[in-house]
Amino acid sequence: MRAPLTLLWYGGPSNRNVLPRHGTGPVPQVVGGRLFILGGDTIQARDVFTGRKLWIRELPGIGEYYTNTFHQPGAEHVGSPYVSLDDGIYCIPGNARDTILRLDPATGQTVARFRSPAGPDGEHPGAGRRADP
């Protein structure tokens, strides 16, 4: 180390695309040095060490259920619409409950698209069933 020492997080990205924590929304997830944060219509990656925004991806409605500030049964009751793994960020877009996207953790681009399996009646009940708000 040597002078001058400075703050790395100062003046970085705002919380504009971050869900309010008062409604007990899904917690941010960390994989491979990247912090993944859910917004009402976005998911984004930031460098976990500096806070620098790496990418942001528009996914309409992905976090809509959690966009309030009153205390409701939130993520601890209905789960999260995404999971972060080394090989991808698996998420359920808000406008297509029977679809699961695999995003590249480095770029946010879609790597694969899956459809939830059909039930005994042949219908696709949707991935990650959630109660309506």
N, C-alpha and C. Protein backbone atom coordinates (compact mmCIF):
# COMPACT_ATOMS: atom_id res chain seq x y z
N MET A 1 0.83 -1.18 0.00
CA MET A 1 0.00 0.00 0.00
C MET A 1 0.87 1.24 0.00
N ARG A 2 0.26 2.30 -0.52
CA ARG A 2 0.90 3.61 -0.44
C ARG A 2 -0.18 4.68 -0.55
N ALA A 3 0.12 5.82 -0.09
CA ALA A 3 -0.81 6.95 -0.10
C ALA A 3 -0.96 7.46 -1.53
N PRO A 4 -2.06 8.04 -1.89
CA PRO A 4 -3.22 8.27 -1.04
C PRO A 4 -4.18 7.06 -1.10
N LEU A 5 -4.79 6.74 0.01
CA LEU A 5 -5.79 5.69 0.08
C LEU A 5 -7.15 6.32 -0.20
N THR A 6 -7.96 5.67 -1.04
CA THR A 6 -9.26 6.23 -1.38
C THR A 6 -10.35 5.18 -1.25
N LEU A 7 -11.59 5.64 -1.21
CA LEU A 7 -12.74 4.74 -1.16
C LEU A 7 -13.07 4.26 -2.57
N LEU A 8 -13.23 2.97 -2.75
CA LEU A 8 -13.54 2.44 -4.06
C LEU A 8 -15.03 2.52 -4.39
N TRP A 9 -15.91 2.48 -3.38
CA TRP A 9 -17.35 2.47 -3.62
C TRP A 9 -17.93 3.87 -3.76
N TYR A 10 -17.16 4.88 -3.56
CA TYR A 10 -17.67 6.25 -3.60
C TYR A 10 -18.10 6.62 -5.02
N GLY A 11 -19.32 7.10 -5.16
CA GLY A 11 -19.80 7.59 -6.44
C GLY A 11 -20.14 6.52 -7.46
N GLY A 12 -20.29 5.28 -7.03
CA GLY A 12 -20.61 4.19 -7.95
C GLY A 12 -22.06 4.19 -8.36
N PRO A 13 -22.55 3.06 -8.84
CA PRO A 13 -23.95 2.98 -9.30
C PRO A 13 -24.94 3.25 -8.16
N SER A 14 -26.06 3.82 -8.52
CA SER A 14 -27.09 4.14 -7.52
C SER A 14 -27.91 2.89 -7.20
N ASN A 15 -28.87 3.05 -6.31
CA ASN A 15 -29.76 1.94 -5.95
C ASN A 15 -31.05 1.98 -6.78
N ARG A 16 -31.03 2.67 -7.91
CA ARG A 16 -32.23 2.84 -8.74
C ARG A 16 -32.82 1.51 -9.20
N ASN A 17 -32.02 0.54 -9.54
CA ASN A 17 -32.51 -0.76 -10.01
C ASN A 17 -32.33 -1.84 -8.95
N VAL A 18 -32.54 -1.47 -7.70
CA VAL A 18 -32.42 -2.41 -6.59
C VAL A 18 -33.75 -2.45 -5.86
N LEU A 19 -34.22 -3.64 -5.53
CA LEU A 19 -35.49 -3.76 -4.82
C LEU A 19 -35.39 -3.19 -3.41
N PRO A 20 -36.49 -2.66 -2.88
CA PRO A 20 -36.49 -2.21 -1.49
C PRO A 20 -36.35 -3.41 -0.55
N ARG A 21 -35.53 -3.30 0.46
CA ARG A 21 -35.31 -4.40 1.39
C ARG A 21 -36.40 -4.48 2.46
N HIS A 22 -37.24 -3.45 2.60
CA HIS A 22 -38.27 -3.45 3.64
C HIS A 22 -39.37 -4.47 3.39
N GLY A 23 -39.58 -4.83 2.14
CA GLY A 23 -40.60 -5.81 1.80
C GLY A 23 -40.09 -7.24 1.82
N THR A 24 -38.92 -7.44 2.38
CA THR A 24 -38.26 -8.75 2.49
C THR A 24 -38.15 -9.45 1.14
N GLY A 25 -37.61 -8.75 0.18
CA GLY A 25 -37.37 -9.33 -1.13
C GLY A 25 -36.17 -10.26 -1.10
N PRO A 26 -35.88 -10.90 -2.23
CA PRO A 26 -34.74 -11.81 -2.29
C PRO A 26 -33.42 -11.09 -2.00
N VAL A 27 -32.56 -11.74 -1.28
CA VAL A 27 -31.26 -11.14 -0.96
C VAL A 27 -30.34 -11.22 -2.17
N PRO A 28 -29.41 -10.28 -2.29
CA PRO A 28 -28.42 -10.38 -3.36
C PRO A 28 -27.62 -11.67 -3.21
N GLN A 29 -27.10 -12.17 -4.32
CA GLN A 29 -26.34 -13.43 -4.32
C GLN A 29 -24.94 -13.17 -4.88
N VAL A 30 -23.97 -13.93 -4.39
CA VAL A 30 -22.58 -13.75 -4.81
C VAL A 30 -22.03 -15.06 -5.34
N VAL A 31 -21.43 -15.00 -6.53
CA VAL A 31 -20.76 -16.15 -7.14
C VAL A 31 -19.59 -15.62 -7.96
N GLY A 32 -18.43 -16.21 -7.77
CA GLY A 32 -17.27 -15.90 -8.61
C GLY A 32 -16.87 -14.44 -8.61
N GLY A 33 -16.97 -13.77 -7.48
CA GLY A 33 -16.57 -12.37 -7.41
C GLY A 33 -17.58 -11.39 -7.97
N ARG A 34 -18.78 -11.87 -8.28
CA ARG A 34 -19.85 -11.01 -8.80
C ARG A 34 -21.03 -11.00 -7.83
N LEU A 35 -21.58 -9.83 -7.61
CA LEU A 35 -22.76 -9.65 -6.77
C LEU A 35 -23.95 -9.47 -7.70
N PHE A 36 -24.96 -10.34 -7.58
CA PHE A 36 -26.14 -10.28 -8.44
C PHE A 36 -27.30 -9.71 -7.64
N ILE A 37 -27.91 -8.63 -8.18
CA ILE A 37 -28.94 -7.89 -7.47
C ILE A 37 -30.19 -7.83 -8.33
N LEU A 38 -31.33 -8.11 -7.72
CA LEU A 38 -32.62 -8.09 -8.40
C LEU A 38 -33.27 -6.72 -8.29
N GLY A 39 -33.86 -6.26 -9.39
CA GLY A 39 -34.67 -5.05 -9.40
C GLY A 39 -36.09 -5.42 -9.81
N GLY A 40 -36.98 -4.46 -9.86
CA GLY A 40 -38.35 -4.74 -10.27
C GLY A 40 -38.44 -5.33 -11.67
N ASP A 41 -37.63 -4.81 -12.59
CA ASP A 41 -37.62 -5.26 -13.98
C ASP A 41 -36.22 -5.58 -14.48
N THR A 42 -35.29 -5.76 -13.57
CA THR A 42 -33.90 -5.98 -13.96
C THR A 42 -33.19 -6.98 -13.05
N ILE A 43 -32.09 -7.48 -13.56
CA ILE A 43 -31.12 -8.19 -12.74
C ILE A 43 -29.78 -7.63 -13.17
N GLN A 44 -28.88 -7.42 -12.21
CA GLN A 44 -27.60 -6.82 -12.55
C GLN A 44 -26.47 -7.50 -11.82
N ALA A 45 -25.26 -7.30 -12.34
CA ALA A 45 -24.06 -7.82 -11.71
C ALA A 45 -23.14 -6.65 -11.38
N ARG A 46 -22.55 -6.73 -10.19
CA ARG A 46 -21.55 -5.75 -9.77
C ARG A 46 -20.32 -6.51 -9.29
N ASP A 47 -19.17 -5.86 -9.42
CA ASP A 47 -17.95 -6.43 -8.88
C ASP A 47 -18.07 -6.43 -7.36
N VAL A 48 -17.91 -7.59 -6.74
CA VAL A 48 -18.13 -7.70 -5.30
C VAL A 48 -17.06 -6.96 -4.50
N PHE A 49 -15.92 -6.69 -5.11
CA PHE A 49 -14.83 -6.03 -4.38
C PHE A 49 -14.87 -4.52 -4.51
N THR A 50 -15.33 -4.00 -5.65
CA THR A 50 -15.31 -2.55 -5.87
C THR A 50 -16.70 -1.93 -5.97
N GLY A 51 -17.73 -2.74 -6.24
CA GLY A 51 -19.07 -2.21 -6.43
C GLY A 51 -19.33 -1.72 -7.84
N ARG A 52 -18.35 -1.81 -8.72
CA ARG A 52 -18.51 -1.35 -10.10
C ARG A 52 -19.56 -2.18 -10.82
N LYS A 53 -20.47 -1.49 -11.53
CA LYS A 53 -21.51 -2.19 -12.29
C LYS A 53 -20.86 -2.89 -13.47
N LEU A 54 -21.11 -4.21 -13.60
CA LEU A 54 -20.57 -5.00 -14.70
C LEU A 54 -21.56 -5.08 -15.85
N TRP A 55 -22.84 -5.33 -15.54
CA TRP A 55 -23.89 -5.37 -16.55
C TRP A 55 -25.24 -5.26 -15.86
N ILE A 56 -26.23 -4.90 -16.65
CA ILE A 56 -27.62 -4.87 -16.17
C ILE A 56 -28.49 -5.43 -17.31
N ARG A 57 -29.44 -6.27 -16.94
CA ARG A 57 -30.29 -6.95 -17.93
C ARG A 57 -31.75 -6.64 -17.64
N GLU A 58 -32.47 -6.16 -18.63
CA GLU A 58 -33.90 -5.90 -18.52
C GLU A 58 -34.66 -7.22 -18.65
N LEU A 59 -35.46 -7.54 -17.64
CA LEU A 59 -36.34 -8.71 -17.65
C LEU A 59 -37.67 -8.26 -17.04
N PRO A 60 -38.58 -7.73 -17.85
CA PRO A 60 -39.81 -7.13 -17.32
C PRO A 60 -40.54 -8.03 -16.33
N GLY A 61 -40.81 -7.46 -15.15
CA GLY A 61 -41.60 -8.13 -14.13
C GLY A 61 -40.87 -9.14 -13.27
N ILE A 62 -39.56 -9.34 -13.45
CA ILE A 62 -38.86 -10.38 -12.71
C ILE A 62 -38.95 -10.17 -11.19
N GLY A 63 -38.89 -8.95 -10.72
CA GLY A 63 -38.95 -8.70 -9.28
C GLY A 63 -40.18 -7.94 -8.84
N GLU A 64 -41.19 -7.89 -9.70
CA GLU A 64 -42.39 -7.09 -9.42
C GLU A 64 -43.06 -7.46 -8.10
N TYR A 65 -43.09 -8.74 -7.77
CA TYR A 65 -43.74 -9.19 -6.54
C TYR A 65 -43.15 -8.53 -5.30
N TYR A 66 -41.89 -8.13 -5.37
CA TYR A 66 -41.18 -7.62 -4.19
C TYR A 66 -40.99 -6.11 -4.21
N THR A 67 -41.70 -5.37 -5.04
CA THR A 67 -41.44 -3.93 -5.20
C THR A 67 -42.15 -3.04 -4.19
N ASN A 68 -42.66 -3.57 -3.13
CA ASN A 68 -43.33 -2.73 -2.14
C ASN A 68 -42.42 -2.50 -0.94
N THR A 69 -42.83 -1.59 -0.07
CA THR A 69 -42.03 -1.32 1.13
C THR A 69 -42.74 -1.70 2.42
N PHE A 70 -43.93 -2.28 2.32
CA PHE A 70 -44.57 -2.76 3.55
C PHE A 70 -44.15 -4.20 3.79
N HIS A 71 -44.28 -4.65 5.02
CA HIS A 71 -43.83 -5.99 5.36
C HIS A 71 -44.88 -7.02 4.96
N GLN A 72 -44.56 -7.79 3.98
CA GLN A 72 -45.43 -8.84 3.47
C GLN A 72 -44.67 -10.15 3.56
N PRO A 73 -45.36 -11.27 3.46
CA PRO A 73 -44.62 -12.51 3.31
C PRO A 73 -43.84 -12.42 2.00
N GLY A 74 -42.56 -12.29 2.10
CA GLY A 74 -41.74 -12.07 0.91
C GLY A 74 -40.95 -13.29 0.52
N ALA A 75 -39.70 -13.07 0.21
CA ALA A 75 -38.86 -14.14 -0.32
C ALA A 75 -38.71 -15.29 0.66
N GLU A 76 -38.78 -15.00 1.94
CA GLU A 76 -38.64 -16.10 2.90
C GLU A 76 -39.82 -17.07 2.83
N HIS A 77 -40.93 -16.65 2.22
CA HIS A 77 -42.10 -17.52 2.09
C HIS A 77 -42.29 -18.06 0.66
N VAL A 78 -41.99 -17.25 -0.35
CA VAL A 78 -42.27 -17.67 -1.72
C VAL A 78 -41.01 -17.91 -2.55
N GLY A 79 -39.85 -17.66 -1.99
CA GLY A 79 -38.61 -17.93 -2.70
C GLY A 79 -38.15 -16.78 -3.57
N SER A 80 -37.17 -17.04 -4.36
CA SER A 80 -36.54 -16.04 -5.21
C SER A 80 -36.74 -16.43 -6.68
N PRO A 81 -36.89 -15.46 -7.57
CA PRO A 81 -37.05 -15.80 -8.98
C PRO A 81 -35.73 -16.08 -9.70
N TYR A 82 -34.62 -16.15 -8.94
CA TYR A 82 -33.34 -16.48 -9.58
C TYR A 82 -32.42 -17.20 -8.61
N VAL A 83 -31.48 -17.95 -9.17
CA VAL A 83 -30.44 -18.61 -8.39
C VAL A 83 -29.14 -18.43 -9.15
N SER A 84 -28.07 -18.16 -8.41
CA SER A 84 -26.77 -17.89 -9.02
C SER A 84 -25.83 -19.07 -8.82
N LEU A 85 -25.29 -19.58 -9.91
CA LEU A 85 -24.33 -20.68 -9.88
C LEU A 85 -23.13 -20.31 -10.75
N ASP A 86 -22.06 -21.07 -10.63
CA ASP A 86 -20.86 -20.79 -11.43
C ASP A 86 -21.13 -20.80 -12.93
N ASP A 87 -21.99 -21.70 -13.39
CA ASP A 87 -22.22 -21.84 -14.83
C ASP A 87 -23.32 -20.94 -15.36
N GLY A 88 -24.06 -20.25 -14.50
CA GLY A 88 -25.11 -19.38 -14.99
C GLY A 88 -26.01 -18.85 -13.90
N ILE A 89 -26.75 -17.83 -14.26
CA ILE A 89 -27.79 -17.27 -13.40
C ILE A 89 -29.10 -17.80 -13.98
N TYR A 90 -29.78 -18.64 -13.22
CA TYR A 90 -31.03 -19.23 -13.67
C TYR A 90 -32.17 -18.39 -13.13
N CYS A 91 -33.01 -17.87 -14.01
CA CYS A 91 -34.07 -16.96 -13.56
C CYS A 91 -35.38 -17.23 -14.28
N ILE A 92 -36.45 -16.82 -13.62
CA ILE A 92 -37.80 -16.93 -14.16
C ILE A 92 -38.24 -15.52 -14.53
N PRO A 93 -38.30 -15.18 -15.81
CA PRO A 93 -38.76 -13.85 -16.18
C PRO A 93 -40.19 -13.63 -15.71
N GLY A 94 -40.51 -12.43 -15.30
CA GLY A 94 -41.83 -12.13 -14.75
C GLY A 94 -42.97 -12.33 -15.72
N ASN A 95 -42.71 -12.20 -17.02
CA ASN A 95 -43.80 -12.29 -18.00
C ASN A 95 -43.95 -13.69 -18.60
N ALA A 96 -43.15 -14.67 -18.15
CA ALA A 96 -43.23 -16.02 -18.70
C ALA A 96 -42.94 -17.03 -17.61
N ARG A 97 -43.93 -17.37 -16.82
CA ARG A 97 -43.73 -18.24 -15.66
C ARG A 97 -43.34 -19.68 -16.03
N ASP A 98 -43.56 -20.10 -17.28
CA ASP A 98 -43.20 -21.46 -17.66
C ASP A 98 -41.82 -21.53 -18.31
N THR A 99 -41.08 -20.42 -18.28
CA THR A 99 -39.76 -20.34 -18.91
C THR A 99 -38.68 -20.08 -17.87
N ILE A 100 -37.56 -20.75 -18.03
CA ILE A 100 -36.39 -20.51 -17.19
C ILE A 100 -35.26 -20.10 -18.13
N LEU A 101 -34.62 -18.97 -17.83
CA LEU A 101 -33.49 -18.51 -18.62
C LEU A 101 -32.19 -18.79 -17.88
N ARG A 102 -31.17 -19.16 -18.61
CA ARG A 102 -29.83 -19.27 -18.04
C ARG A 102 -29.02 -18.12 -18.62
N LEU A 103 -28.59 -17.20 -17.76
CA LEU A 103 -27.81 -16.05 -18.18
C LEU A 103 -26.33 -16.29 -17.92
N ASP A 104 -25.48 -15.77 -18.78
CA ASP A 104 -24.04 -15.84 -18.59
C ASP A 104 -23.68 -14.91 -17.43
N PRO A 105 -23.03 -15.41 -16.37
CA PRO A 105 -22.70 -14.56 -15.22
C PRO A 105 -21.76 -13.40 -15.58
N ALA A 106 -20.97 -13.54 -16.63
CA ALA A 106 -20.01 -12.50 -17.01
C ALA A 106 -20.64 -11.38 -17.84
N THR A 107 -21.70 -11.70 -18.61
CA THR A 107 -22.26 -10.71 -19.54
C THR A 107 -23.75 -10.42 -19.36
N GLY A 108 -24.49 -11.34 -18.74
CA GLY A 108 -25.94 -11.19 -18.61
C GLY A 108 -26.71 -11.64 -19.83
N GLN A 109 -26.02 -12.10 -20.86
CA GLN A 109 -26.70 -12.55 -22.07
C GLN A 109 -27.31 -13.94 -21.86
N THR A 110 -28.42 -14.21 -22.55
CA THR A 110 -29.08 -15.51 -22.47
C THR A 110 -28.21 -16.58 -23.13
N VAL A 111 -27.92 -17.62 -22.36
CA VAL A 111 -27.13 -18.75 -22.85
C VAL A 111 -28.06 -19.90 -23.24
N ALA A 112 -29.13 -20.09 -22.47
CA ALA A 112 -30.07 -21.17 -22.75
C ALA A 112 -31.45 -20.77 -22.24
N ARG A 113 -32.44 -21.44 -22.81
CA ARG A 113 -33.85 -21.21 -22.42
C ARG A 113 -34.46 -22.59 -22.20
N PHE A 114 -35.14 -22.76 -21.06
CA PHE A 114 -35.78 -24.03 -20.74
C PHE A 114 -37.26 -23.78 -20.49
N ARG A 115 -38.05 -24.81 -20.66
CA ARG A 115 -39.48 -24.73 -20.34
C ARG A 115 -39.76 -25.67 -19.19
N SER A 116 -40.60 -25.23 -18.25
CA SER A 116 -40.91 -26.09 -17.12
C SER A 116 -41.57 -27.37 -17.61
N PRO A 117 -41.33 -28.49 -16.91
CA PRO A 117 -41.93 -29.76 -17.36
C PRO A 117 -43.45 -29.74 -17.24
N ALA A 118 -44.08 -30.45 -18.14
CA ALA A 118 -45.54 -30.55 -18.12
C ALA A 118 -45.97 -31.45 -16.96
N GLY A 119 -47.11 -31.13 -16.38
CA GLY A 119 -47.68 -31.95 -15.32
C GLY A 119 -48.44 -33.12 -15.90
N PRO A 120 -49.08 -33.93 -15.04
CA PRO A 120 -49.81 -35.11 -15.51
C PRO A 120 -50.93 -34.78 -16.50
N ASP A 121 -51.46 -33.56 -16.40
CA ASP A 121 -52.54 -33.16 -17.31
C ASP A 121 -52.02 -32.57 -18.62
N GLY A 122 -50.68 -32.51 -18.76
CA GLY A 122 -50.10 -31.96 -19.97
C GLY A 122 -49.87 -30.46 -19.93
N GLU A 123 -50.38 -29.82 -18.90
CA GLU A 123 -50.22 -28.37 -18.75
C GLU A 123 -48.87 -28.05 -18.13
N HIS A 124 -48.36 -26.87 -18.42
CA HIS A 124 -47.12 -26.39 -17.81
C HIS A 124 -47.50 -25.47 -16.64
N PRO A 125 -47.38 -25.97 -15.41
CA PRO A 125 -47.83 -25.18 -14.26
C PRO A 125 -46.98 -23.96 -14.00
N GLY A 126 -45.80 -23.90 -14.56
CA GLY A 126 -44.92 -22.76 -14.34
C GLY A 126 -43.81 -23.12 -13.38
N ALA A 127 -42.67 -22.55 -13.63
CA ALA A 127 -41.51 -22.78 -12.76
C ALA A 127 -41.63 -21.90 -11.53
N GLY A 128 -41.16 -22.39 -10.41
CA GLY A 128 -41.11 -21.59 -9.20
C GLY A 128 -42.44 -20.98 -8.83
N ARG A 129 -43.45 -21.79 -8.70
CA ARG A 129 -44.78 -21.29 -8.39
C ARG A 129 -44.73 -20.24 -7.29
N ARG A 130 -45.41 -19.12 -7.51
CA ARG A 130 -45.46 -18.05 -6.54
C ARG A 130 -46.91 -17.64 -6.34
N ALA A 131 -47.20 -17.19 -5.15
CA ALA A 131 -48.53 -16.66 -4.89
C ALA A 131 -48.61 -15.27 -5.51
N ASP A 132 -49.76 -14.88 -6.00
CA ASP A 132 -49.92 -13.53 -6.51
C ASP A 132 -49.96 -12.56 -5.35
N PRO A 133 -49.40 -11.35 -5.53
CA PRO A 133 -49.41 -10.37 -4.44
C PRO A 133 -50.80 -9.93 -4.09
